[in-house]
PDB file of N, CA and C in Angstrom:
ATOM      1  N   UNK A   1     164.599-235.902  40.325  1.00  0.00           N
ATOM      2  CA  UNK A   1     162.620-236.974  38.983  1.00  0.00           C
ATOM      3  C   UNK A   1     163.150-236.862  37.699  1.00  0.00           C
ATOM      4  N   UNK A   2     162.518-239.044  37.622  1.00  0.00           N
ATOM      5  CA  UNK A   2     162.648-239.111  36.481  1.00  0.00           C
ATOM      6  C   UNK A   2     161.235-238.482  35.819  1.00  0.00           C
ATOM      7  N   UNK A   3     161.558-238.482  34.345  1.00  0.00           N
ATOM      8  CA  UNK A   3     161.496-238.191  32.832  1.00  0.00           C
ATOM      9  C   UNK A   3     159.751-239.537  32.768  1.00  0.00           C
ATOM     10  N   UNK A   4     158.822-237.957  32.191  1.00  0.00           N
ATOM     11  CA  UNK A   4     157.625-239.407  32.040  1.00  0.00           C
ATOM     12  C   UNK A   4     157.084-239.420  31.115  1.00  0.00           C
ATOM     13  N   UNK A   5     156.345-240.313  30.841  1.00  0.00           N
ATOM     14  CA  UNK A   5     156.704-240.599  28.968  1.00  0.00           C
ATOM     15  C   UNK A   5     155.311-239.318  27.989  1.00  0.00           C
ATOM     16  N   UNK A   6     154.768-238.786  28.667  1.00  0.00           N
ATOM     17  CA  UNK A   6     153.552-237.453  28.035  1.00  0.00           C
ATOM     18  C   UNK A   6     155.224-235.878  28.192  1.00  0.00           C
ATOM     19  N   UNK A   7     156.006-236.127  29.006  1.00  0.00           N
ATOM     20  CA  UNK A   7     157.255-235.325  28.833  1.00  0.00           C
ATOM     21  C   UNK A   7     157.705-236.060  28.034  1.00  0.00           C
ATOM     22  N   UNK A   8     158.213-236.693  27.442  1.00  0.00           N
ATOM     23  CA  UNK A   8     159.701-236.826  26.245  1.00  0.00           C
ATOM     24  C   UNK A   8     158.495-236.966  25.061  1.00  0.00           C
ATOM     25  N   UNK A   9     157.397-237.419  25.046  1.00  0.00           N
ATOM     26  CA  UNK A   9     156.706-237.529  24.171  1.00  0.00           C
ATOM     27  C   UNK A   9     155.837-235.385  23.494  1.00  0.00           C
ATOM     28  N   UNK A  10     155.687-235.033  24.786  1.00  0.00           N
ATOM     29  CA  UNK A  10     155.594-233.545  24.512  1.00  0.00           C
ATOM     30  C   UNK A  10     156.790-232.003  24.122  1.00  0.00           C
ATOM     31  N   UNK A  11     157.850-233.168  23.945  1.00  0.00           N
ATOM     32  CA  UNK A  11     158.731-232.225  24.602  1.00  0.00           C
ATOM     33  C   UNK A  11     159.319-231.981  22.583  1.00  0.00           C
ATOM     34  N   UNK A  12     159.488-230.213  22.930  1.00  0.00           N
ATOM     35  CA  UNK A  12     159.523-229.976  21.323  1.00  0.00           C
ATOM     36  C   UNK A  12     160.957-228.981  21.577  1.00  0.00           C
ATOM     37  N   UNK A  13     161.089-228.870  19.904  1.00  0.00           N
ATOM     38  CA  UNK A  13     162.861-228.857  19.867  1.00  0.00           C
ATOM     39  C   UNK A  13     162.330-226.915  20.195  1.00  0.00           C
ATOM     40  N   UNK A  14     163.532-226.248  20.472  1.00  0.00           N
ATOM     41  CA  UNK A  14     163.769-224.896  21.398  1.00  0.00           C
ATOM     42  C   UNK A  14     165.368-224.110  19.683  1.00  0.00           C
ATOM     43  N   UNK A  15     165.980-223.635  19.696  1.00  0.00           N
ATOM     44  CA  UNK A  15     166.255-222.728  18.923  1.00  0.00           C
ATOM     45  C   UNK A  15     167.887-222.729  19.384  1.00  0.00           C
ATOM     46  N   UNK A  16     167.847-224.025  20.686  1.00  0.00           N
ATOM     47  CA  UNK A  16     169.150-224.417  20.638  1.00  0.00           C
ATOM     48  C   UNK A  16     169.323-225.578  21.552  1.00  0.00           C
ATOM     49  N   UNK A  17     169.838-226.635  21.466  1.00  0.00           N
ATOM     50  CA  UNK A  17     169.418-228.137  21.847  1.00  0.00           C
ATOM     51  C   UNK A  17     169.492-227.554  23.639  1.00  0.00           C
ATOM     52  N   UNK A  18     168.688-228.386  23.718  1.00  0.00           N
ATOM     53  CA  UNK A  18     168.320-228.572  25.138  1.00  0.00           C
ATOM     54  C   UNK A  18     168.747-230.184  26.540  1.00  0.00           C
ATOM     55  N   UNK A  19     168.739-230.672  27.273  1.00  0.00           N
ATOM     56  CA  UNK A  19     168.152-231.437  27.879  1.00  0.00           C
ATOM     57  C   UNK A  19     167.420-231.640  29.114  1.00  0.00           C
ATOM     58  N   UNK A  20     166.678-233.033  29.144  1.00  0.00           N
ATOM     59  CA  UNK A  20     165.030-233.443  30.343  1.00  0.00           C
ATOM     60  C   UNK A  20     166.280-234.502  30.970  1.00  0.00           C
ATOM     61  N   UNK A  21     166.641-234.342  32.180  1.00  0.00           N
ATOM     62  CA  UNK A  21     166.987-234.981  32.721  1.00  0.00           C
ATOM     63  C   UNK A  21     166.443-236.241  33.613  1.00  0.00           C
ATOM     64  N   UNK A  22     167.160-237.333  33.694  1.00  0.00           N
ATOM     65  CA  UNK A  22     166.628-238.401  33.998  1.00  0.00           C
ATOM     66  C   UNK A  22     166.993-239.077  35.353  1.00  0.00           C
ATOM     67  N   UNK A  23     167.802-238.354  35.828  1.00  0.00           N
ATOM     68  CA  UNK A  23     168.416-239.400  36.963  1.00  0.00           C
ATOM     69  C   UNK A  23     169.559-240.653  36.334  1.00  0.00           C
ATOM     70  N   UNK A  24     170.428-240.903  37.630  1.00  0.00           N
ATOM     71  CA  UNK A  24     171.495-241.834  37.378  1.00  0.00           C
ATOM     72  C   UNK A  24     171.874-241.050  35.790  1.00  0.00           C
ATOM     73  N   UNK A  25     172.331-240.007  35.477  1.00  0.00           N
ATOM     74  CA  UNK A  25     173.062-239.363  34.931  1.00  0.00           C
ATOM     75  C   UNK A  25     172.844-238.960  32.961  1.00  0.00           C
ATOM     76  N   UNK A  26     171.096-239.600  33.069  1.00  0.00           N
ATOM     77  CA  UNK A  26     170.957-239.880  32.067  1.00  0.00           C
ATOM     78  C   UNK A  26     170.065-238.229  31.564  1.00  0.00           C
ATOM     79  N   UNK A  27     169.699-238.543  30.564  1.00  0.00           N
ATOM     80  CA  UNK A  27     169.150-237.962  29.609  1.00  0.00           C
ATOM     81  C   UNK A  27     168.742-237.421  28.692  1.00  0.00           C
ATOM     82  N   UNK A  28     168.345-236.878  27.681  1.00  0.00           N
ATOM     83  CA  UNK A  28     167.307-236.608  26.257  1.00  0.00           C
ATOM     84  C   UNK A  28     167.889-235.915  26.772  1.00  0.00           C
ATOM     85  N   UNK A  29     168.330-235.816  25.285  1.00  0.00           N
ATOM     86  CA  UNK A  29     169.024-234.073  23.837  1.00  0.00           C
ATOM     87  C   UNK A  29     167.704-233.903  23.077  1.00  0.00           C
ATOM     88  N   UNK A  30     167.441-233.363  22.655  1.00  0.00           N
ATOM     89  CA  UNK A  30     166.152-232.160  21.508  1.00  0.00           C
ATOM     90  C   UNK A  30     167.078-231.508  21.115  1.00  0.00           C
ATOM     91  N   UNK A  31     167.454-231.573  20.652  1.00  0.00           N
ATOM     92  CA  UNK A  31     167.500-230.722  18.909  1.00  0.00           C
ATOM     93  C   UNK A  31     167.171-230.285  17.993  1.00  0.00           C
ATOM     94  N   UNK A  32     167.431-228.797  17.393  1.00  0.00           N
ATOM     95  CA  UNK A  32     167.283-228.218  17.392  1.00  0.00           C
ATOM     96  C   UNK A  32     165.350-228.172  15.726  1.00  0.00           C
ATOM     97  N   UNK A  33     166.274-228.982  15.196  1.00  0.00           N
ATOM     98  CA  UNK A  33     165.571-230.061  14.193  1.00  0.00           C
ATOM     99  C   UNK A  33     164.508-230.845  14.859  1.00  0.00           C
ATOM    100  N   UNK A  34     164.477-230.707  16.683  1.00  0.00           N
ATOM    101  CA  UNK A  34     163.587-231.606  16.896  1.00  0.00           C
ATOM    102  C   UNK A  34     164.032-233.342  16.320  1.00  0.00           C
ATOM    103  N   UNK A  35     164.913-233.458  16.446  1.00  0.00           N
ATOM    104  CA  UNK A  35     166.139-235.026  16.765  1.00  0.00           C
ATOM    105  C   UNK A  35     165.819-235.054  19.229  1.00  0.00           C
ATOM    106  N   UNK A  36     165.512-236.086  18.837  1.00  0.00           N
ATOM    107  CA  UNK A  36     165.497-236.720  20.744  1.00  0.00           C
ATOM    108  C   UNK A  36     166.727-238.425  20.720  1.00  0.00           C
ATOM    109  N   UNK A  37     167.636-237.248  21.044  1.00  0.00           N
ATOM    110  CA  UNK A  37     168.681-238.742  22.005  1.00  0.00           C
ATOM    111  C   UNK A  37     169.039-238.352  23.088  1.00  0.00           C
ATOM    112  N   UNK A  38     169.392-240.309  23.672  1.00  0.00           N
ATOM    113  CA  UNK A  38     169.611-240.732  24.924  1.00  0.00           C
ATOM    114  C   UNK A  38     169.800-240.938  25.177  1.00  0.00           C
ATOM    115  N   UNK A  39     170.799-240.138  26.043  1.00  0.00           N
ATOM    116  CA  UNK A  39     172.520-239.971  26.642  1.00  0.00           C
ATOM    117  C   UNK A  39     173.103-240.244  27.830  1.00  0.00           C
ATOM    118  N   UNK A  40     174.188-241.002  28.177  1.00  0.00           N
ATOM    119  CA  UNK A  40     174.298-240.665  29.654  1.00  0.00           C
ATOM    120  C   UNK A  40     175.763-240.649  30.041  1.00  0.00           C
ATOM    121  N   UNK A  41     175.995-239.595  31.219  1.00  0.00           N
ATOM    122  CA  UNK A  41     176.684-239.265  31.097  1.00  0.00           C
ATOM    123  C   UNK A  41     177.444-239.766  32.882  1.00  0.00           C
ATOM    124  N   UNK A  42     178.862-240.507  32.504  1.00  0.00           N
ATOM    125  CA  UNK A  42     179.495-240.678  33.250  1.00  0.00           C
ATOM    126  C   UNK A  42     181.014-240.875  33.844  1.00  0.00           C
ATOM    127  N   UNK A  43     181.732-241.277  34.906  1.00  0.00           N
ATOM    128  CA  UNK A  43     183.637-240.633  35.141  1.00  0.00           C
ATOM    129  C   UNK A  43     183.545-241.803  34.998  1.00  0.00           C
ATOM    130  N   UNK A  44     185.276-241.777  34.288  1.00  0.00           N
ATOM    131  CA  UNK A  44     185.889-242.886  34.258  1.00  0.00           C
ATOM    132  C   UNK A  44     187.555-241.961  34.226  1.00  0.00           C
ATOM    133  N   UNK A  45     188.325-242.549  35.735  1.00  0.00           N
ATOM    134  CA  UNK A  45     189.732-242.107  35.291  1.00  0.00           C
ATOM    135  C   UNK A  45     190.026-240.992  35.950  1.00  0.00           C
ATOM    136  N   UNK A  46     189.398-239.722  36.515  1.00  0.00           N
ATOM    137  CA  UNK A  46     188.359-238.692  37.543  1.00  0.00           C
ATOM    138  C   UNK A  46     188.322-237.447  35.597  1.00  0.00           C
ATOM    139  N   UNK A  47     187.585-238.071  34.803  1.00  0.00           N
ATOM    140  CA  UNK A  47     187.323-237.592  33.434  1.00  0.00           C
ATOM    141  C   UNK A  47     186.076-238.115  33.183  1.00  0.00           C
ATOM    142  N   UNK A  48     184.990-237.046  32.523  1.00  0.00           N
ATOM    143  CA  UNK A  48     184.039-237.173  32.238  1.00  0.00           C
ATOM    144  C   UNK A  48     183.862-237.636  30.485  1.00  0.00           C
ATOM    145  N   UNK A  49     183.047-238.812  30.611  1.00  0.00           N
ATOM    146  CA  UNK A  49     182.851-239.283  29.208  1.00  0.00           C
ATOM    147  C   UNK A  49     180.941-239.139  29.086  1.00  0.00           C
ATOM    148  N   UNK A  50     180.840-239.739  28.328  1.00  0.00           N
ATOM    149  CA  UNK A  50     179.234-239.334  27.849  1.00  0.00           C
ATOM    150  C   UNK A  50     178.860-241.586  26.520  1.00  0.00           C
ATOM    151  N   UNK A  51     178.192-241.340  26.657  1.00  0.00           N
ATOM    152  CA  UNK A  51     178.016-242.177  26.201  1.00  0.00           C
ATOM    153  C   UNK A  51     176.095-242.499  25.765  1.00  0.00           C
ATOM    154  N   UNK A  52     176.366-242.435  24.288  1.00  0.00           N
ATOM    155  CA  UNK A  52     175.084-242.047  23.397  1.00  0.00           C
ATOM    156  C   UNK A  52     174.013-244.234  23.929  1.00  0.00           C
ATOM    157  N   UNK A  53     172.627-243.959  23.665  1.00  0.00           N
ATOM    158  CA  UNK A  53     171.991-245.073  24.128  1.00  0.00           C
ATOM    159  C   UNK A  53     170.757-245.506  23.218  1.00  0.00           C
ATOM    160  N   UNK A  54     170.236-244.252  22.510  1.00  0.00           N
ATOM    161  CA  UNK A  54     170.168-244.177  21.206  1.00  0.00           C
ATOM    162  C   UNK A  54     168.451-243.582  21.022  1.00  0.00           C
ATOM    163  N   UNK A  55     168.603-243.202  19.415  1.00  0.00           N
ATOM    164  CA  UNK A  55     167.432-242.767  19.463  1.00  0.00           C
ATOM    165  C   UNK A  55     165.615-242.170  19.538  1.00  0.00           C
ATOM    166  N   UNK A  56     165.128-241.370  20.281  1.00  0.00           N
ATOM    167  CA  UNK A  56     163.776-241.928  20.619  1.00  0.00           C
ATOM    168  C   UNK A  56     162.789-241.476  19.853  1.00  0.00           C
ATOM    169  N   UNK A  57     162.234-242.748  18.847  1.00  0.00           N
ATOM    170  CA  UNK A  57     161.504-243.170  19.745  1.00  0.00           C
ATOM    171  C   UNK A  57     161.520-245.025  19.309  1.00  0.00           C
ATOM    172  N   UNK A  58     163.109-244.206  18.611  1.00  0.00           N
ATOM    173  CA  UNK A  58     163.412-245.774  18.617  1.00  0.00           C
ATOM    174  C   UNK A  58     163.718-247.021  19.648  1.00  0.00           C
ATOM    175  N   UNK A  59     164.542-245.625  20.699  1.00  0.00           N
ATOM    176  CA  UNK A  59     164.923-246.808  21.853  1.00  0.00           C
ATOM    177  C   UNK A  59     163.429-246.543  22.825  1.00  0.00           C
ATOM    178  N   UNK A  60     163.142-247.088  23.108  1.00  0.00           N
ATOM    179  CA  UNK A  60     161.979-246.700  24.174  1.00  0.00           C
ATOM    180  C   UNK A  60     162.902-245.965  25.922  1.00  0.00           C
ATOM    181  N   UNK A  61     161.802-245.779  26.593  1.00  0.00           N
ATOM    182  CA  UNK A  61     162.559-244.768  27.805  1.00  0.00           C
ATOM    183  C   UNK A  61     162.902-246.321  28.479  1.00  0.00           C
ATOM    184  N   UNK A  62     161.951-246.613  29.017  1.00  0.00           N
ATOM    185  CA  UNK A  62     162.302-247.794  29.334  1.00  0.00           C
ATOM    186  C   UNK A  62     163.570-249.477  29.559  1.00  0.00           C
ATOM    187  N   UNK A  63     163.894-249.180  28.014  1.00  0.00           N
ATOM    188  CA  UNK A  63     164.890-249.598  27.894  1.00  0.00           C
ATOM    189  C   UNK A  63     165.782-249.569  27.932  1.00  0.00           C
ATOM    190  N   UNK A  64     166.368-247.401  27.288  1.00  0.00           N
ATOM    191  CA  UNK A  64     167.863-246.538  27.452  1.00  0.00           C
ATOM    192  C   UNK A  64     167.567-247.171  29.848  1.00  0.00           C
ATOM    193  N   UNK A  65     166.740-246.519  30.492  1.00  0.00           N
ATOM    194  CA  UNK A  65     166.850-246.749  31.709  1.00  0.00           C
ATOM    195  C   UNK A  65     167.265-248.661  31.654  1.00  0.00           C
ATOM    196  N   UNK A  66     167.280-249.466  31.439  1.00  0.00           N
ATOM    197  CA  UNK A  66     167.370-250.780  31.244  1.00  0.00           C
ATOM    198  C   UNK A  66     169.616-250.466  31.037  1.00  0.00           C
ATOM    199  N   UNK A  67     169.478-249.681  29.781  1.00  0.00           N
ATOM    200  CA  UNK A  67     171.066-249.821  29.462  1.00  0.00           C
ATOM    201  C   UNK A  67     171.132-248.609  29.279  1.00  0.00           C
ATOM    202  N   UNK A  68     171.153-248.580  30.989  1.00  0.00           N
ATOM    203  CA  UNK A  68     171.381-246.919  31.804  1.00  0.00           C
ATOM    204  C   UNK A  68     171.842-248.016  33.114  1.00  0.00           C
ATOM    205  N   UNK A  69     171.273-248.941  33.340  1.00  0.00           N
ATOM    206  CA  UNK A  69     171.252-249.373  34.753  1.00  0.00           C
ATOM    207  C   UNK A  69     172.352-250.739  34.508  1.00  0.00           C
ATOM    208  N   UNK A  70     172.962-251.487  33.708  1.00  0.00           N
ATOM    209  CA  UNK A  70     173.424-252.326  32.695  1.00  0.00           C
ATOM    210  C   UNK A  70     174.970-250.489  32.982  1.00  0.00           C
ATOM    211  N   UNK A  71     174.935-250.591  31.745  1.00  0.00           N
ATOM    212  CA  UNK A  71     176.238-249.461  32.196  1.00  0.00           C
ATOM    213  C   UNK A  71     177.234-248.700  33.571  1.00  0.00           C
ATOM    214  N   UNK A  72     176.054-248.303  34.148  1.00  0.00           N
ATOM    215  CA  UNK A  72     175.913-247.908  35.546  1.00  0.00           C
ATOM    216  C   UNK A  72     177.115-249.714  36.212  1.00  0.00           C
ATOM    217  N   UNK A  73     176.497-250.742  36.261  1.00  0.00           N
ATOM    218  CA  UNK A  73     177.096-251.746  36.902  1.00  0.00           C
ATOM    219  C   UNK A  73     178.830-252.407  36.287  1.00  0.00           C
ATOM    220  N   UNK A  74     178.887-252.227  34.643  1.00  0.00           N
ATOM    221  CA  UNK A  74     179.997-251.737  33.917  1.00  0.00           C
ATOM    222  C   UNK A  74     181.080-251.182  34.514  1.00  0.00           C
ATOM    223  N   UNK A  75     180.869-249.958  34.391  1.00  0.00           N
ATOM    224  CA  UNK A  75     182.074-249.106  35.233  1.00  0.00           C
ATOM    225  C   UNK A  75     181.974-249.169  36.171  1.00  0.00           C
ATOM    226  N   UNK A  76     180.805-248.930  37.414  1.00  0.00           N
ATOM    227  CA  UNK A  76     181.610-250.084  38.430  1.00  0.00           C
ATOM    228  C   UNK A  76     182.423-250.761  38.636  1.00  0.00           C
ATOM    229  N   UNK A  77     182.754-251.965  37.395  1.00  0.00           N
ATOM    230  CA  UNK A  77     183.252-252.589  37.940  1.00  0.00           C
ATOM    231  C   UNK A  77     184.591-252.717  37.191  1.00  0.00           C
ATOM    232  N   UNK A  78     184.660-252.103  36.190  1.00  0.00           N
ATOM    233  CA  UNK A  78     186.398-251.301  35.943  1.00  0.00           C
ATOM    234  C   UNK A  78     186.749-250.351  36.219  1.00  0.00           C
ATOM    235  N   UNK A  79     185.696-249.292  37.571  1.00  0.00           N
ATOM    236  CA  UNK A  79     186.248-248.278  38.387  1.00  0.00           C
ATOM    237  C   UNK A  79     186.972-249.244  39.051  1.00  0.00           C
ATOM    238  N   UNK A  80     186.517-250.526  40.439  1.00  0.00           N
ATOM    239  CA  UNK A  80     186.917-251.517  40.788  1.00  0.00           C
ATOM    240  C   UNK A  80     187.962-252.584  40.759  1.00  0.00           C
ATOM    241  N   UNK A  81     188.107-252.464  39.582  1.00  0.00           N
ATOM    242  CA  UNK A  81     189.470-253.225  38.885  1.00  0.00           C
ATOM    243  C   UNK A  81     190.685-252.437  38.619  1.00  0.00           C
ATOM    244  N   UNK A  82     190.551-251.440  38.720  1.00  0.00           N
ATOM    245  CA  UNK A  82     191.277-250.241  38.298  1.00  0.00           C
ATOM    246  C   UNK A  82     192.372-249.330  39.933  1.00  0.00           C
ATOM    247  N   UNK A  83     190.891-249.753  41.129  1.00  0.00           N
ATOM    248  CA  UNK A  83     191.335-249.703  42.194  1.00  0.00           C
ATOM    249  C   UNK A  83     191.513-250.320  43.716  1.00  0.00           C
ATOM    250  N   UNK A  84     192.068-252.241  42.630  1.00  0.00           N
ATOM    251  CA  UNK A  84     191.993-252.989  43.518  1.00  0.00           C
ATOM    252  C   UNK A  84     193.586-254.121  43.630  1.00  0.00           C
ATOM    253  N   UNK A  85     193.879-253.973  44.172  1.00  0.00           N
ATOM    254  CA  UNK A  85     195.253-254.407  44.234  1.00  0.00           C
ATOM    255  C   UNK A  85     195.457-256.230  44.781  1.00  0.00           C
ATOM    256  N   UNK A  86     195.666-256.586  43.816  1.00  0.00           N
ATOM    257  CA  UNK A  86     195.954-258.200  43.210  1.00  0.00           C
ATOM    258  C   UNK A  86     197.691-259.007  44.225  1.00  0.00           C
TER     259      UNK A  86
END
């Protein structure tokens, strides 16, 4: 389920860091000190990786979604180049 701007703005810090998922591997990490980071989890070569997209509110949700789409395309090309025999 996609995040809404209201959910992102009103997300309050808790005792421990937690995540609000946005789909496609992207999530907003809310730290205990109140900082909010856009992150994306993905797999490459059978290993889980994490991409830092930026800090909210400097990086808007719309921009983070654009970067997620770009990263997924790049990762798909990298995976295809590993599995394609020339």
